[in-house]
PDB file of all heavy atoms in Angstrom:
ATOM      1  N   ARG A   1       0.823  -1.210   0.000  1.00  0.00           N
ATOM      2  CA  ARG A   1       0.000   0.000   0.000  1.00  0.00           C
ATOM      3  C   ARG A   1       0.856   1.259   0.000  1.00  0.00           C
ATOM      4  O   ARG A   1       0.371   2.343  -0.302  1.00  0.00           O
ATOM      5  CB  ARG A   1      -0.902   0.018   1.237  1.00  0.00           C
ATOM      6  CG  ARG A   1      -1.948  -1.093   1.254  1.00  0.00           C
ATOM      7  CD  ARG A   1      -2.608  -1.168   2.613  1.00  0.00           C
ATOM      8  NE  ARG A   1      -1.627  -1.499   3.662  1.00  0.00           N
ATOM      9  CZ  ARG A   1      -1.893  -1.441   4.959  1.00  0.00           C
ATOM     10  NH1 ARG A   1      -3.077  -1.026   5.377  1.00  0.00           N
ATOM     11  NH2 ARG A   1      -0.967  -1.771   5.841  1.00  0.00           N
ATOM     12  N   CYS A   2       2.122   1.127   0.351  1.00  0.00           N
ATOM     13  CA  CYS A   2       3.006   2.290   0.425  1.00  0.00           C
ATOM     14  C   CYS A   2       3.566   2.594  -0.964  1.00  0.00           C
ATOM     15  O   CYS A   2       4.755   2.416  -1.228  1.00  0.00           O
ATOM     16  CB  CYS A   2       4.134   2.038   1.415  1.00  0.00           C
ATOM     17  SG  CYS A   2       3.565   1.642   3.082  1.00  0.00           S
ATOM     18  N   SER A   3       2.693   3.013  -1.862  1.00  0.00           N
ATOM     19  CA  SER A   3       3.096   3.198  -3.250  1.00  0.00           C
ATOM     20  C   SER A   3       3.636   4.587  -3.531  1.00  0.00           C
ATOM     21  O   SER A   3       4.438   4.775  -4.440  1.00  0.00           O
ATOM     22  CB  SER A   3       1.896   2.931  -4.175  1.00  0.00           C
ATOM     23  OG  SER A   3       0.801   3.766  -3.814  1.00  0.00           O
ATOM     24  N   ARG A   4       3.235   5.579  -2.751  1.00  0.00           N
ATOM     25  CA  ARG A   4       3.665   6.945  -3.024  1.00  0.00           C
ATOM     26  C   ARG A   4       4.629   7.425  -1.946  1.00  0.00           C
ATOM     27  O   ARG A   4       4.247   8.033  -0.956  1.00  0.00           O
ATOM     28  CB  ARG A   4       2.458   7.882  -3.099  1.00  0.00           C
ATOM     29  CG  ARG A   4       2.866   9.258  -3.627  1.00  0.00           C
ATOM     30  CD  ARG A   4       1.718  10.222  -3.699  1.00  0.00           C
ATOM     31  NE  ARG A   4       2.209  11.539  -4.106  1.00  0.00           N
ATOM     32  CZ  ARG A   4       1.653  12.675  -3.765  1.00  0.00           C
ATOM     33  NH1 ARG A   4       0.591  12.683  -2.998  1.00  0.00           N
ATOM     34  NH2 ARG A   4       2.143  13.816  -4.175  1.00  0.00           N
ATOM     35  N   VAL A   5       5.912   7.119  -2.161  1.00  0.00           N
ATOM     36  CA  VAL A   5       6.954   7.579  -1.237  1.00  0.00           C
ATOM     37  C   VAL A   5       7.224   9.051  -1.520  1.00  0.00           C
ATOM     38  O   VAL A   5       7.325   9.465  -2.676  1.00  0.00           O
ATOM     39  CB  VAL A   5       8.236   6.750  -1.403  1.00  0.00           C
ATOM     40  CG1 VAL A   5       9.348   7.302  -0.534  1.00  0.00           C
ATOM     41  CG2 VAL A   5       7.959   5.291  -1.054  1.00  0.00           C
ATOM     42  N   ILE A   6       7.348   9.832  -0.474  1.00  0.00           N
ATOM     43  CA  ILE A   6       7.480  11.279  -0.632  1.00  0.00           C
ATOM     44  C   ILE A   6       8.828  11.767  -0.096  1.00  0.00           C
ATOM     45  O   ILE A   6       9.564  11.021   0.550  1.00  0.00           O
ATOM     46  CB  ILE A   6       6.348  12.024   0.107  1.00  0.00           C
ATOM     47  CG1 ILE A   6       6.425  11.748   1.617  1.00  0.00           C
ATOM     48  CG2 ILE A   6       4.996  11.639  -0.458  1.00  0.00           C
ATOM     49  CD1 ILE A   6       5.503  12.624   2.449  1.00  0.00           C
ATOM     50  N   ASP A   7       9.129  13.033  -0.391  1.00  0.00           N
ATOM     51  CA  ASP A   7      10.279  13.695   0.210  1.00  0.00           C
ATOM     52  C   ASP A   7       9.863  14.179   1.591  1.00  0.00           C
ATOM     53  O   ASP A   7       9.374  15.302   1.752  1.00  0.00           O
ATOM     54  CB  ASP A   7      10.739  14.875  -0.650  1.00  0.00           C
ATOM     55  CG  ASP A   7      11.336  14.440  -1.974  1.00  0.00           C
ATOM     56  OD1 ASP A   7      12.115  13.476  -1.960  1.00  0.00           O
ATOM     57  OD2 ASP A   7      11.010  15.045  -3.005  1.00  0.00           O
ATOM     58  N   ALA A   8      10.048  13.312   2.580  1.00  0.00           N
ATOM     59  CA  ALA A   8       9.619  13.636   3.944  1.00  0.00           C
ATOM     60  C   ALA A   8      10.673  14.512   4.616  1.00  0.00           C
ATOM     61  O   ALA A   8      11.870  14.268   4.497  1.00  0.00           O
ATOM     62  CB  ALA A   8       9.421  12.351   4.746  1.00  0.00           C
ATOM     63  N   HIS A   9      10.216  15.534   5.322  1.00  0.00           N
ATOM     64  CA  HIS A   9      11.127  16.409   6.045  1.00  0.00           C
ATOM     65  C   HIS A   9      11.501  15.786   7.388  1.00  0.00           C
ATOM     66  O   HIS A   9      10.625  15.441   8.185  1.00  0.00           O
ATOM     67  CB  HIS A   9      10.486  17.772   6.280  1.00  0.00           C
ATOM     68  CG  HIS A   9      10.612  18.705   5.111  1.00  0.00           C
ATOM     69  ND1 HIS A   9       9.738  18.678   4.060  1.00  0.00           N
ATOM     70  CD2 HIS A   9      11.530  19.668   4.831  1.00  0.00           C
ATOM     71  CE1 HIS A   9      10.086  19.606   3.173  1.00  0.00           C
ATOM     72  NE2 HIS A   9      11.175  20.214   3.611  1.00  0.00           N
ATOM     73  N   SER A  10      12.799  15.641   7.636  1.00  0.00           N
ATOM     74  CA  SER A  10      13.232  15.173   8.951  1.00  0.00           C
ATOM     75  C   SER A  10      13.292  16.327   9.948  1.00  0.00           C
ATOM     76  O   SER A  10      13.298  16.113  11.159  1.00  0.00           O
ATOM     77  CB  SER A  10      14.603  14.496   8.855  1.00  0.00           C
ATOM     78  OG  SER A  10      15.543  15.341   8.226  1.00  0.00           O
ATOM     79  N   ILE A  11      13.371  17.551   9.425  1.00  0.00           N
ATOM     80  CA  ILE A  11      13.154  18.762  10.215  1.00  0.00           C
ATOM     81  C   ILE A  11      11.891  19.393   9.650  1.00  0.00           C
ATOM     82  O   ILE A  11      11.792  19.622   8.439  1.00  0.00           O
ATOM     83  CB  ILE A  11      14.327  19.747  10.081  1.00  0.00           C
ATOM     84  CG1 ILE A  11      15.641  19.095  10.504  1.00  0.00           C
ATOM     85  CG2 ILE A  11      14.075  21.004  10.922  1.00  0.00           C
ATOM     86  CD1 ILE A  11      16.869  19.956  10.240  1.00  0.00           C
ATOM     87  N   GLN A  12      10.913  19.638  10.499  1.00  0.00           N
ATOM     88  CA  GLN A  12       9.627  20.122  10.015  1.00  0.00           C
ATOM     89  C   GLN A  12       9.783  21.351   9.124  1.00  0.00           C
ATOM     90  O   GLN A  12      10.521  22.280   9.451  1.00  0.00           O
ATOM     91  CB  GLN A  12       8.728  20.489  11.196  1.00  0.00           C
ATOM     92  CG  GLN A  12       8.414  19.344  12.129  1.00  0.00           C
ATOM     93  CD  GLN A  12       7.834  19.829  13.450  1.00  0.00           C
ATOM     94  OE1 GLN A  12       7.762  21.018  13.707  1.00  0.00           O
ATOM     95  NE2 GLN A  12       7.414  18.902  14.277  1.00  0.00           N
ATOM     96  N   LYS A  13       9.084  21.335   8.006  1.00  0.00           N
ATOM     97  CA  LYS A  13       9.103  22.493   7.114  1.00  0.00           C
ATOM     98  C   LYS A  13       8.290  23.634   7.716  1.00  0.00           C
ATOM     99  O   LYS A  13       8.786  24.759   7.849  1.00  0.00           O
ATOM    100  CB  LYS A  13       8.551  22.107   5.742  1.00  0.00           C
ATOM    101  CG  LYS A  13       8.488  23.272   4.766  1.00  0.00           C
ATOM    102  CD  LYS A  13       7.890  22.832   3.434  1.00  0.00           C
ATOM    103  CE  LYS A  13       7.724  24.008   2.490  1.00  0.00           C
ATOM    104  NZ  LYS A  13       7.095  23.610   1.210  1.00  0.00           N
ATOM    105  N   ASN A  14       7.054  23.343   8.065  1.00  0.00           N
ATOM    106  CA  ASN A  14       6.192  24.349   8.677  1.00  0.00           C
ATOM    107  C   ASN A  14       6.402  24.330  10.191  1.00  0.00           C
ATOM    108  O   ASN A  14       6.347  23.289  10.816  1.00  0.00           O
ATOM    109  CB  ASN A  14       4.727  24.079   8.347  1.00  0.00           C
ATOM    110  CG  ASN A  14       4.447  24.151   6.860  1.00  0.00           C
ATOM    111  OD1 ASN A  14       4.974  25.019   6.177  1.00  0.00           O
ATOM    112  ND2 ASN A  14       3.631  23.228   6.358  1.00  0.00           N
ATOM    113  N   GLY A  15       6.646  25.458  10.757  1.00  0.00           N
ATOM    114  CA  GLY A  15       6.807  25.530  12.200  1.00  0.00           C
ATOM    115  C   GLY A  15       8.226  25.384  12.674  1.00  0.00           C
ATOM    116  O   GLY A  15       8.528  25.644  13.833  1.00  0.00           O
ATOM    117  N   THR A  16       9.149  24.953  11.790  1.00  0.00           N
ATOM    118  CA  THR A  16      10.555  24.847  12.181  1.00  0.00           C
ATOM    119  C   THR A  16      11.444  25.519  11.136  1.00  0.00           C
ATOM    120  O   THR A  16      11.996  26.588  11.379  1.00  0.00           O
ATOM    121  CB  THR A  16      10.965  23.380  12.385  1.00  0.00           C
ATOM    122  OG1 THR A  16      10.180  22.818  13.456  1.00  0.00           O
ATOM    123  CG2 THR A  16      12.421  23.271  12.770  1.00  0.00           C
ATOM    124  N   LEU A  17      11.579  24.923   9.933  1.00  0.00           N
ATOM    125  CA  LEU A  17      12.374  25.560   8.898  1.00  0.00           C
ATOM    126  C   LEU A  17      11.828  26.938   8.547  1.00  0.00           C
ATOM    127  O   LEU A  17      12.586  27.889   8.323  1.00  0.00           O
ATOM    128  CB  LEU A  17      12.426  24.678   7.652  1.00  0.00           C
ATOM    129  CG  LEU A  17      13.312  23.424   7.752  1.00  0.00           C
ATOM    130  CD1 LEU A  17      13.081  22.509   6.554  1.00  0.00           C
ATOM    131  CD2 LEU A  17      14.783  23.804   7.853  1.00  0.00           C
ATOM    132  N   SER A  18      10.497  27.043   8.527  1.00  0.00           N
ATOM    133  CA  SER A  18       9.883  28.338   8.192  1.00  0.00           C
ATOM    134  C   SER A  18      10.164  29.397   9.248  1.00  0.00           C
ATOM    135  O   SER A  18      10.127  30.596   8.962  1.00  0.00           O
ATOM    136  CB  SER A  18       8.376  28.168   8.004  1.00  0.00           C
ATOM    137  OG  SER A  18       7.776  27.661   9.186  1.00  0.00           O
ATOM    138  N   LEU A  19      10.488  28.956  10.478  1.00  0.00           N
ATOM    139  CA  LEU A  19      10.784  29.906  11.551  1.00  0.00           C
ATOM    140  C   LEU A  19      12.070  30.678  11.285  1.00  0.00           C
ATOM    141  O   LEU A  19      12.214  31.822  11.716  1.00  0.00           O
ATOM    142  CB  LEU A  19      10.922  29.175  12.889  1.00  0.00           C
ATOM    143  CG  LEU A  19       9.653  28.724  13.603  1.00  0.00           C
ATOM    144  CD1 LEU A  19      10.022  27.929  14.842  1.00  0.00           C
ATOM    145  CD2 LEU A  19       8.789  29.922  13.974  1.00  0.00           C
ATOM    146  N   ILE A  20      13.012  30.053  10.598  1.00  0.00           N
ATOM    147  CA  ILE A  20      14.319  30.681  10.401  1.00  0.00           C
ATOM    148  C   ILE A  20      14.555  31.108   8.958  1.00  0.00           C
ATOM    149  O   ILE A  20      15.574  31.738   8.658  1.00  0.00           O
ATOM    150  CB  ILE A  20      15.457  29.736  10.842  1.00  0.00           C
ATOM    151  CG1 ILE A  20      15.512  28.499   9.945  1.00  0.00           C
ATOM    152  CG2 ILE A  20      15.299  29.337  12.305  1.00  0.00           C
ATOM    153  CD1 ILE A  20      16.773  27.680  10.112  1.00  0.00           C
ATOM    154  N   ALA A  21      13.644  30.762   8.043  1.00  0.00           N
ATOM    155  CA  ALA A  21      13.863  31.024   6.623  1.00  0.00           C
ATOM    156  C   ALA A  21      13.770  32.508   6.297  1.00  0.00           C
ATOM    157  O   ALA A  21      13.029  33.264   6.933  1.00  0.00           O
ATOM    158  CB  ALA A  21      12.863  30.235   5.787  1.00  0.00           C
ATOM    159  N   ASN A  22      14.517  32.911   5.288  1.00  0.00           N
ATOM    160  CA  ASN A  22      14.437  34.253   4.724  1.00  0.00           C
ATOM    161  C   ASN A  22      14.082  34.098   3.249  1.00  0.00           C
ATOM    162  O   ASN A  22      14.876  33.572   2.471  1.00  0.00           O
ATOM    163  CB  ASN A  22      15.770  34.984   4.887  1.00  0.00           C
ATOM    164  CG  ASN A  22      15.730  36.392   4.336  1.00  0.00           C
ATOM    165  OD1 ASN A  22      14.670  37.002   4.226  1.00  0.00           O
ATOM    166  ND2 ASN A  22      16.891  36.923   3.968  1.00  0.00           N
ATOM    167  N   ASN A  23      12.874  34.535   2.885  1.00  0.00           N
ATOM    168  CA  ASN A  23      12.379  34.345   1.514  1.00  0.00           C
ATOM    169  C   ASN A  23      12.447  32.880   1.095  1.00  0.00           C
ATOM    170  O   ASN A  23      12.805  32.546  -0.038  1.00  0.00           O
ATOM    171  CB  ASN A  23      13.184  35.204   0.528  1.00  0.00           C
ATOM    172  CG  ASN A  23      12.990  36.686   0.753  1.00  0.00           C
ATOM    173  OD1 ASN A  23      11.884  37.135   1.089  1.00  0.00           O
ATOM    174  ND2 ASN A  23      14.042  37.466   0.573  1.00  0.00           N
ATOM    175  N   GLY A  24      12.098  31.997   2.060  1.00  0.00           N
ATOM    176  CA  GLY A  24      12.048  30.565   1.762  1.00  0.00           C
ATOM    177  C   GLY A  24      13.389  29.879   1.688  1.00  0.00           C
ATOM    178  O   GLY A  24      13.470  28.745   1.204  1.00  0.00           O
ATOM    179  N   HIS A  25      14.463  30.522   2.182  1.00  0.00           N
ATOM    180  CA  HIS A  25      15.797  29.935   2.090  1.00  0.00           C
ATOM    181  C   HIS A  25      16.496  29.925   3.450  1.00  0.00           C
ATOM    182  O   HIS A  25      16.254  30.799   4.290  1.00  0.00           O
ATOM    183  CB  HIS A  25      16.663  30.693   1.083  1.00  0.00           C
ATOM    184  CG  HIS A  25      16.278  30.460  -0.342  1.00  0.00           C
ATOM    185  ND1 HIS A  25      15.170  31.059  -0.923  1.00  0.00           N
ATOM    186  CD2 HIS A  25      16.849  29.688  -1.317  1.00  0.00           C
ATOM    187  CE1 HIS A  25      15.081  30.668  -2.185  1.00  0.00           C
ATOM    188  NE2 HIS A  25      16.079  29.834  -2.443  1.00  0.00           N
ATOM    189  N   VAL A  26      17.353  28.928   3.623  1.00  0.00           N
ATOM    190  CA  VAL A  26      18.195  28.797   4.821  1.00  0.00           C
ATOM    191  C   VAL A  26      19.586  28.390   4.365  1.00  0.00           C
ATOM    192  O   VAL A  26      19.798  28.039   3.204  1.00  0.00           O
ATOM    193  CB  VAL A  26      17.637  27.738   5.784  1.00  0.00           C
ATOM    194  CG1 VAL A  26      16.271  28.128   6.322  1.00  0.00           C
ATOM    195  CG2 VAL A  26      17.558  26.352   5.090  1.00  0.00           C
ATOM    196  N   TYR A  27      20.533  28.432   5.281  1.00  0.00           N
ATOM    197  CA  TYR A  27      21.862  27.883   5.004  1.00  0.00           C
ATOM    198  C   TYR A  27      21.917  26.444   5.501  1.00  0.00           C
ATOM    199  O   TYR A  27      21.494  26.152   6.635  1.00  0.00           O
ATOM    200  CB  TYR A  27      22.946  28.713   5.680  1.00  0.00           C
ATOM    201  CG  TYR A  27      23.361  29.924   4.882  1.00  0.00           C
ATOM    202  CD1 TYR A  27      22.727  31.149   5.073  1.00  0.00           C
ATOM    203  CD2 TYR A  27      24.364  29.838   3.921  1.00  0.00           C
ATOM    204  CE1 TYR A  27      23.096  32.270   4.337  1.00  0.00           C
ATOM    205  CE2 TYR A  27      24.749  30.954   3.181  1.00  0.00           C
ATOM    206  CZ  TYR A  27      24.110  32.161   3.387  1.00  0.00           C
ATOM    207  OH  TYR A  27      24.478  33.253   2.652  1.00  0.00           O
ATOM    208  N   ALA A  28      22.421  25.543   4.652  1.00  0.00           N
ATOM    209  CA  ALA A  28      22.533  24.131   5.021  1.00  0.00           C
ATOM    210  C   ALA A  28      23.762  23.528   4.336  1.00  0.00           C
ATOM    211  O   ALA A  28      24.332  24.128   3.414  1.00  0.00           O
ATOM    212  CB  ALA A  28      21.270  23.371   4.622  1.00  0.00           C
ATOM    213  N   ASN A  29      24.146  22.354   4.783  1.00  0.00           N
ATOM    214  CA  ASN A  29      25.310  21.658   4.243  1.00  0.00           C
ATOM    215  C   ASN A  29      25.097  21.330   2.765  1.00  0.00           C
ATOM    216  O   ASN A  29      24.081  20.756   2.390  1.00  0.00           O
ATOM    217  CB  ASN A  29      25.552  20.377   5.041  1.00  0.00           C
ATOM    218  CG  ASN A  29      26.845  19.681   4.654  1.00  0.00           C
ATOM    219  OD1 ASN A  29      27.681  20.247   3.968  1.00  0.00           O
ATOM    220  ND2 ASN A  29      26.999  18.445   5.089  1.00  0.00           N
ATOM    221  N   SER A  30      26.060  21.681   1.938  1.00  0.00           N
ATOM    222  CA  SER A  30      25.927  21.472   0.498  1.00  0.00           C
ATOM    223  C   SER A  30      26.351  20.061   0.098  1.00  0.00           C
ATOM    224  O   SER A  30      27.325  19.517   0.626  1.00  0.00           O
ATOM    225  CB  SER A  30      26.788  22.492  -0.259  1.00  0.00           C
ATOM    226  OG  SER A  30      26.776  22.231  -1.649  1.00  0.00           O
ATOM    227  N   SER A  31      25.617  19.492  -0.861  1.00  0.00           N
ATOM    228  CA  SER A  31      26.009  18.206  -1.451  1.00  0.00           C
ATOM    229  C   SER A  31      26.429  18.398  -2.901  1.00  0.00           C
ATOM    230  O   SER A  31      26.544  17.438  -3.658  1.00  0.00           O
ATOM    231  CB  SER A  31      24.847  17.208  -1.377  1.00  0.00           C
ATOM    232  OG  SER A  31      23.696  17.718  -2.058  1.00  0.00           O
ATOM    233  N   ASN A  32      26.679  19.658  -3.293  1.00  0.00           N
ATOM    234  CA  ASN A  32      27.105  19.977  -4.645  1.00  0.00           C
ATOM    235  C   ASN A  32      28.527  19.475  -4.905  1.00  0.00           C
ATOM    236  O   ASN A  32      29.413  19.600  -4.057  1.00  0.00           O
ATOM    237  CB  ASN A  32      27.031  21.496  -4.848  1.00  0.00           C
ATOM    238  CG  ASN A  32      27.535  21.934  -6.218  1.00  0.00           C
ATOM    239  OD1 ASN A  32      28.713  22.203  -6.380  1.00  0.00           O
ATOM    240  ND2 ASN A  32      26.645  21.996  -7.177  1.00  0.00           N
ATOM    241  N   PHE A  33      28.750  18.925  -6.094  1.00  0.00           N
ATOM    242  CA  PHE A  33      30.051  18.346  -6.442  1.00  0.00           C
ATOM    243  C   PHE A  33      31.179  19.350  -6.276  1.00  0.00           C
ATOM    244  O   PHE A  33      32.218  19.062  -5.671  1.00  0.00           O
ATOM    245  CB  PHE A  33      30.022  17.820  -7.881  1.00  0.00           C
ATOM    246  CG  PHE A  33      31.353  17.381  -8.408  1.00  0.00           C
ATOM    247  CD1 PHE A  33      31.877  16.149  -8.063  1.00  0.00           C
ATOM    248  CD2 PHE A  33      32.105  18.211  -9.238  1.00  0.00           C
ATOM    249  CE1 PHE A  33      33.115  15.741  -8.537  1.00  0.00           C
ATOM    250  CE2 PHE A  33      33.340  17.810  -9.715  1.00  0.00           C
ATOM    251  CZ  PHE A  33      33.834  16.575  -9.371  1.00  0.00           C
ATOM    252  N   GLY A  34      30.989  20.550  -6.818  1.00  0.00           N
ATOM    253  CA  GLY A  34      32.031  21.559  -6.744  1.00  0.00           C
ATOM    254  C   GLY A  34      32.352  21.969  -5.323  1.00  0.00           C
ATOM    255  O   GLY A  34      33.529  22.148  -4.958  1.00  0.00           O
ATOM    256  N   ASP A  35      31.325  22.108  -4.489  1.00  0.00           N
ATOM    257  CA  ASP A  35      31.537  22.498  -3.091  1.00  0.00           C
ATOM    258  C   ASP A  35      32.315  21.425  -2.331  1.00  0.00           C
ATOM    259  O   ASP A  35      33.214  21.725  -1.544  1.00  0.00           O
ATOM    260  CB  ASP A  35      30.198  22.758  -2.399  1.00  0.00           C
ATOM    261  CG  ASP A  35      29.487  23.984  -2.949  1.00  0.00           C
ATOM    262  OD1 ASP A  35      30.181  24.903  -3.420  1.00  0.00           O
ATOM    263  OD2 ASP A  35      28.239  24.015  -2.915  1.00  0.00           O
ATOM    264  N   ILE A  36      31.953  20.161  -2.557  1.00  0.00           N
ATOM    265  CA  ILE A  36      32.629  19.058  -1.873  1.00  0.00           C
ATOM    266  C   ILE A  36      34.085  18.957  -2.303  1.00  0.00           C
ATOM    267  O   ILE A  36      34.981  18.741  -1.483  1.00  0.00           O
ATOM    268  CB  ILE A  36      31.884  17.730  -2.132  1.00  0.00           C
ATOM    269  CG1 ILE A  36      30.505  17.757  -1.460  1.00  0.00           C
ATOM    270  CG2 ILE A  36      32.697  16.540  -1.633  1.00  0.00           C
ATOM    271  CD1 ILE A  36      29.652  16.561  -1.775  1.00  0.00           C
TER     272      ILE A  36
END
């Protein structure tokens, strides 16, 4: 029955990430090839 796997937030989007966001953005660890 678990057919629709989603991008689940391990840190709440509403009520947590939104508390610190500026125009919907925060600073977080990059997984970009160039940055690494």
